Amino acid sequence: MNAILHSPRVVYLVSLLCVAVFCATLTFWVMTLATRALAPPAAVAPARAPLGIEAALRLFGGETGEARNDIQISGVLALGTTGAAAIISVNGQPPFTRSLGQRIDAQTRLIEVRQRSIVIERGGVKSEVFLPAPAQAPTIYMRAPKSIQGRSARE
């Protein structure tokens, strides 16, 4: 009898039976847990009224009123490692440049220049003005004529 239990064929069949029982048990529990009815969601809390920022603006020295969108930027400039500037136009006037800390108009000052935007301070309130999205123009590559290709920059 012991010889029958230790034969390779019996060990293989018992192992195969154990794997099949494991797979059946695993499938049963996955199906049971996946199809179990979830508890109904709790009642949704009523929506809050939007918070007014007028008190916060007065607290931090800002002015309450309409935000003006009269400043447009045409570009930003990196001036070495220590400075930056922006090309700005106000109310559709011709563009001009301002560096960090300079006044744009009587109430507005340039605080920070970023890669695609600037930060201005108007009446104690900081706001960010973004560059317009770049136009989707096709890129054109041209090959230099053969008469120019062989020349060096010193000629």
C-alpha atoms as a PDB file:
ATOM      1  CA  MET A   1       0.000   0.000   0.000  1.00  0.00           C
ATOM      2  CA  ASN A   2       2.862   2.383   0.816  1.00  0.00           C
ATOM      3  CA  ALA A   3       4.379   1.729  -2.566  1.00  0.00           C
ATOM      4  CA  ILE A   4       1.174   2.880  -4.266  1.00  0.00           C
ATOM      5  CA  LEU A   5       1.050   6.164  -2.262  1.00  0.00           C
ATOM      6  CA  HIS A   6       4.661   6.998  -3.089  1.00  0.00           C
ATOM      7  CA  SER A   7       4.524   6.306  -6.800  1.00  0.00           C
ATOM      8  CA  PRO A   8       5.189   9.368  -9.002  1.00  0.00           C
ATOM      9  CA  ARG A   9       1.864   9.054 -10.776  1.00  0.00           C
ATOM     10  CA  VAL A  10      -0.138   9.210  -7.495  1.00  0.00           C
ATOM     11  CA  VAL A  11       1.895  12.177  -6.228  1.00  0.00           C
ATOM     12  CA  TYR A  12       1.249  13.954  -9.541  1.00  0.00           C
ATOM     13  CA  LEU A  13      -2.517  13.288  -9.387  1.00  0.00           C
ATOM     14  CA  VAL A  14      -2.776  14.426  -5.763  1.00  0.00           C
ATOM     15  CA  SER A  15      -0.853  17.619  -6.602  1.00  0.00           C
ATOM     16  CA  LEU A  16      -3.119  18.217  -9.585  1.00  0.00           C
ATOM     17  CA  LEU A  17      -6.188  17.704  -7.363  1.00  0.00           C
ATOM     18  CA  CYS A  18      -4.841  20.190  -4.775  1.00  0.00           C
ATOM     19  CA  VAL A  19      -4.218  22.824  -7.488  1.00  0.00           C
ATOM     20  CA  ALA A  20      -7.747  22.314  -8.840  1.00  0.00           C
ATOM     21  CA  VAL A  21      -9.276  22.698  -5.341  1.00  0.00           C
ATOM     22  CA  PHE A  22      -7.189  25.850  -4.779  1.00  0.00           C
ATOM     23  CA  CYS A  23      -8.320  27.355  -8.104  1.00  0.00           C
ATOM     24  CA  ALA A  24     -11.967  26.522  -7.362  1.00  0.00           C
ATOM     25  CA  THR A  25     -11.733  28.098  -3.894  1.00  0.00           C
ATOM     26  CA  LEU A  26     -10.024  31.185  -5.256  1.00  0.00           C
ATOM     27  CA  THR A  27     -12.645  31.574  -7.993  1.00  0.00           C
ATOM     28  CA  PHE A  28     -15.465  31.168  -5.457  1.00  0.00           C
ATOM     29  CA  TRP A  29     -14.133  33.926  -3.199  1.00  0.00           C
ATOM     30  CA  VAL A  30     -13.341  36.298  -6.054  1.00  0.00           C
ATOM     31  CA  MET A  31     -16.872  35.904  -7.422  1.00  0.00           C
ATOM     32  CA  THR A  32     -18.413  36.248  -3.949  1.00  0.00           C
ATOM     33  CA  LEU A  33     -16.519  39.405  -3.054  1.00  0.00           C
ATOM     34  CA  ALA A  34     -16.844  41.003  -6.500  1.00  0.00           C
ATOM     35  CA  THR A  35     -20.609  40.569  -6.744  1.00  0.00           C
ATOM     36  CA  ARG A  36     -21.422  41.452  -3.154  1.00  0.00           C
ATOM     37  CA  ALA A  37     -23.900  44.307  -2.972  1.00  0.00           C
ATOM     38  CA  LEU A  38     -22.250  47.480  -1.825  1.00  0.00           C
ATOM     39  CA  ALA A  39     -23.792  49.511   0.939  1.00  0.00           C
ATOM     40  CA  PRO A  40     -25.894  52.380  -0.389  1.00  0.00           C
ATOM     41  CA  PRO A  41     -23.993  55.679  -0.384  1.00  0.00           C
ATOM     42  CA  ALA A  42     -24.599  58.017   2.482  1.00  0.00           C
ATOM     43  CA  ALA A  43     -26.847  60.976   1.832  1.00  0.00           C
ATOM     44  CA  VAL A  44     -25.035  63.707  -0.048  1.00  0.00           C
ATOM     45  CA  ALA A  45     -24.343  66.757   2.059  1.00  0.00           C
ATOM     46  CA  PRO A  46     -26.125  69.892   0.843  1.00  0.00           C
ATOM     47  CA  ALA A  47     -23.986  72.216  -1.246  1.00  0.00           C
ATOM     48  CA  ARG A  48     -22.533  75.205   0.545  1.00  0.00           C
ATOM     49  CA  ALA A  49     -23.002  78.731  -0.618  1.00  0.00           C
ATOM     50  CA  PRO A  50     -19.868  80.076  -2.329  1.00  0.00           C
ATOM     51  CA  LEU A  51     -17.522  81.872   0.011  1.00  0.00           C
ATOM     52  CA  GLY A  52     -17.052  85.577  -0.496  1.00  0.00           C
ATOM     53  CA  ILE A  53     -13.477  86.811  -0.716  1.00  0.00           C
ATOM     54  CA  GLU A  54     -14.233  90.441   0.040  1.00  0.00           C
ATOM     55  CA  ALA A  55     -13.415  90.059   3.743  1.00  0.00           C
ATOM     56  CA  ALA A  56     -10.134  88.315   2.962  1.00  0.00           C
ATOM     57  CA  LEU A  57      -9.176  91.010   0.463  1.00  0.00           C
ATOM     58  CA  ARG A  58      -9.820  93.734   3.035  1.00  0.00           C
ATOM     59  CA  LEU A  59      -7.906  91.754   5.666  1.00  0.00           C
ATOM     60  CA  PHE A  60      -4.800  91.455   3.482  1.00  0.00           C
ATOM     61  CA  GLY A  61      -4.880  94.976   2.090  1.00  0.00           C
ATOM     62  CA  GLY A  62      -6.555  94.290  -1.219  1.00  0.00           C
ATOM     63  CA  GLU A  63      -9.329  96.229  -2.844  1.00  0.00           C
ATOM     64  CA  THR A  64     -12.692  94.712  -3.529  1.00  0.00           C
ATOM     65  CA  GLY A  65     -13.946  95.217  -7.008  1.00  0.00           C
ATOM     66  CA  GLU A  66     -13.796  93.891 -10.504  1.00  0.00           C
ATOM     67  CA  ALA A  67     -10.554  92.287 -11.583  1.00  0.00           C
ATOM     68  CA  ARG A  68      -9.218  94.125 -14.586  1.00  0.00           C
ATOM     69  CA  ASN A  69      -7.974  92.211 -17.592  1.00  0.00           C
ATOM     70  CA  ASP A  70      -6.320  95.138 -19.314  1.00  0.00           C
ATOM     71  CA  ILE A  71      -2.754  93.791 -19.177  1.00  0.00           C
ATOM     72  CA  GLN A  72      -1.526  91.505 -21.945  1.00  0.00           C
ATOM     73  CA  ILE A  73       1.961  90.058 -22.254  1.00  0.00           C
ATOM     74  CA  SER A  74       3.697  89.448 -25.568  1.00  0.00           C
ATOM     75  CA  GLY A  75       6.785  87.727 -24.224  1.00  0.00           C
ATOM     76  CA  VAL A  76       9.173  87.170 -21.357  1.00  0.00           C
ATOM     77  CA  LEU A  77      12.934  87.786 -21.362  1.00  0.00           C
ATOM     78  CA  ALA A  78      15.653  86.117 -19.304  1.00  0.00           C
ATOM     79  CA  LEU A  79      18.385  88.658 -18.559  1.00  0.00           C
ATOM     80  CA  GLY A  80      21.302  86.491 -17.517  1.00  0.00           C
ATOM     81  CA  THR A  81      21.170  84.711 -14.189  1.00  0.00           C
ATOM     82  CA  THR A  82      19.999  87.640 -12.088  1.00  0.00           C
ATOM     83  CA  GLY A  83      17.063  89.251 -13.809  1.00  0.00           C
ATOM     84  CA  ALA A  84      14.089  88.956 -16.072  1.00  0.00           C
ATOM     85  CA  ALA A  85      11.724  91.258 -17.907  1.00  0.00           C
ATOM     86  CA  ALA A  86       8.386  91.087 -19.656  1.00  0.00           C
ATOM     87  CA  ILE A  87       7.011  92.639 -22.823  1.00  0.00           C
ATOM     88  CA  ILE A  88       3.687  94.137 -21.709  1.00  0.00           C
ATOM     89  CA  SER A  89       0.883  96.142 -23.254  1.00  0.00           C
ATOM     90  CA  VAL A  90      -1.848  97.910 -21.297  1.00  0.00           C
ATOM     91  CA  ASN A  91      -5.291  98.690 -22.754  1.00  0.00           C
ATOM     92  CA  GLY A  92      -4.180  97.800 -26.276  1.00  0.00           C
ATOM     93  CA  GLN A  93      -1.363 100.396 -26.275  1.00  0.00           C
ATOM     94  CA  PRO A  94       1.979  99.589 -27.952  1.00  0.00           C
ATOM     95  CA  PRO A  95       4.020  97.062 -25.952  1.00  0.00           C
ATOM     96  CA  PHE A  96       6.855  98.090 -23.633  1.00  0.00           C
ATOM     97  CA  THR A  97       9.276  96.226 -21.367  1.00  0.00           C
ATOM     98  CA  ARG A  98       9.401  96.209 -17.584  1.00  0.00           C
ATOM     99  CA  SER A  99      11.883  94.416 -15.359  1.00  0.00           C
ATOM    100  CA  LEU A 100      11.232  92.953 -11.926  1.00  0.00           C
ATOM    101  CA  GLY A 101       9.973  95.423  -9.347  1.00  0.00           C
ATOM    102  CA  GLN A 102       9.139  98.184 -11.840  1.00  0.00           C
ATOM    103  CA  ARG A 103       5.721  99.765 -12.040  1.00  0.00           C
ATOM    104  CA  ILE A 104       3.515  98.947 -15.017  1.00  0.00           C
ATOM    105  CA  ASP A 105       1.049 101.722 -14.215  1.00  0.00           C
ATOM    106  CA  ALA A 106       0.131 103.764 -11.145  1.00  0.00           C
ATOM    107  CA  GLN A 107      -1.436 100.797  -9.312  1.00  0.00           C
ATOM    108  CA  THR A 108       0.376  97.795 -10.777  1.00  0.00           C
ATOM    109  CA  ARG A 109       3.882  96.440 -10.241  1.00  0.00           C
ATOM    110  CA  LEU A 110       5.711  93.497 -11.854  1.00  0.00           C
ATOM    111  CA  ILE A 111       6.549  91.003  -9.107  1.00  0.00           C
ATOM    112  CA  GLU A 112       7.722  87.836 -10.865  1.00  0.00           C
ATOM    113  CA  VAL A 113       8.498  86.599 -14.366  1.00  0.00           C
ATOM    114  CA  ARG A 114       7.903  82.909 -15.068  1.00  0.00           C
ATOM    115  CA  GLN A 115       8.432  80.790 -18.150  1.00  0.00           C
ATOM    116  CA  ARG A 116       4.912  81.287 -19.600  1.00  0.00           C
ATOM    117  CA  SER A 117       3.430  83.993 -17.341  1.00  0.00           C
ATOM    118  CA  ILE A 118       4.071  86.980 -15.104  1.00  0.00           C
ATOM    119  CA  VAL A 119       2.869  87.798 -11.593  1.00  0.00           C
ATOM    120  CA  ILE A 120       1.648  91.330 -10.975  1.00  0.00           C
ATOM    121  CA  GLU A 121       0.599  93.088  -7.799  1.00  0.00           C
ATOM    122  CA  ARG A 122      -2.349  95.449  -8.034  1.00  0.00           C
ATOM    123  CA  GLY A 123      -3.657  97.082  -4.865  1.00  0.00           C
ATOM    124  CA  GLY A 124      -1.931  94.505  -2.653  1.00  0.00           C
ATOM    125  CA  VAL A 125      -3.448  91.557  -4.541  1.00  0.00           C
ATOM    126  CA  LYS A 126      -1.188  89.338  -6.621  1.00  0.00           C
ATOM    127  CA  SER A 127      -2.464  87.845  -9.863  1.00  0.00           C
ATOM    128  CA  GLU A 128      -0.944  85.892 -12.715  1.00  0.00           C
ATOM    129  CA  VAL A 129      -1.170  86.916 -16.374  1.00  0.00           C
ATOM    130  CA  PHE A 130      -0.433  84.170 -18.917  1.00  0.00           C
ATOM    131  CA  LEU A 131       1.104  84.357 -22.364  1.00  0.00           C
ATOM    132  CA  PRO A 132      -1.402  83.655 -25.137  1.00  0.00           C
ATOM    133  CA  ALA A 133      -1.327  80.145 -26.577  1.00  0.00           C
ATOM    134  CA  PRO A 134       1.173  79.786 -29.417  1.00  0.00           C
ATOM    135  CA  ALA A 135      -0.251  79.651 -32.926  1.00  0.00           C
ATOM    136  CA  GLN A 136      -0.208  76.255 -34.571  1.00  0.00           C
ATOM    137  CA  ALA A 137       1.842  77.274 -37.585  1.00  0.00           C
ATOM    138  CA  PRO A 138       3.690  74.662 -39.622  1.00  0.00           C
ATOM    139  CA  THR A 139       7.438  74.445 -39.220  1.00  0.00           C
ATOM    140  CA  ILE A 140       9.425  74.956 -42.402  1.00  0.00           C
ATOM    141  CA  TYR A 141      12.933  73.617 -42.871  1.00  0.00           C
ATOM    142  CA  MET A 142      15.151  74.804 -45.714  1.00  0.00           C
ATOM    143  CA  ARG A 143      18.372  73.362 -46.974  1.00  0.00           C
ATOM    144  CA  ALA A 144      21.219  75.791 -47.566  1.00  0.00           C
ATOM    145  CA  PRO A 145      22.377  76.088 -51.179  1.00  0.00           C
ATOM    146  CA  LYS A 146      25.486  74.102 -52.042  1.00  0.00           C
ATOM    147  CA  SER A 147      27.450  77.318 -52.561  1.00  0.00           C
ATOM    148  CA  ILE A 148      26.931  78.205 -48.867  1.00  0.00           C
ATOM    149  CA  GLN A 149      27.247  74.689 -47.358  1.00  0.00           C
ATOM    150  CA  GLY A 150      31.020  74.424 -47.825  1.00  0.00           C
ATOM    151  CA  ARG A 151      31.909  77.870 -46.466  1.00  0.00           C
ATOM    152  CA  SER A 152      33.140  78.401 -42.948  1.00  0.00           C
ATOM    153  CA  ALA A 153      31.837  81.065 -40.603  1.00  0.00           C
ATOM    154  CA  ARG A 154      35.078  83.114 -40.977  1.00  0.00           C
ATOM    155  CA  GLU A 155      34.737  83.683 -44.733  1.00  0.00           C
END
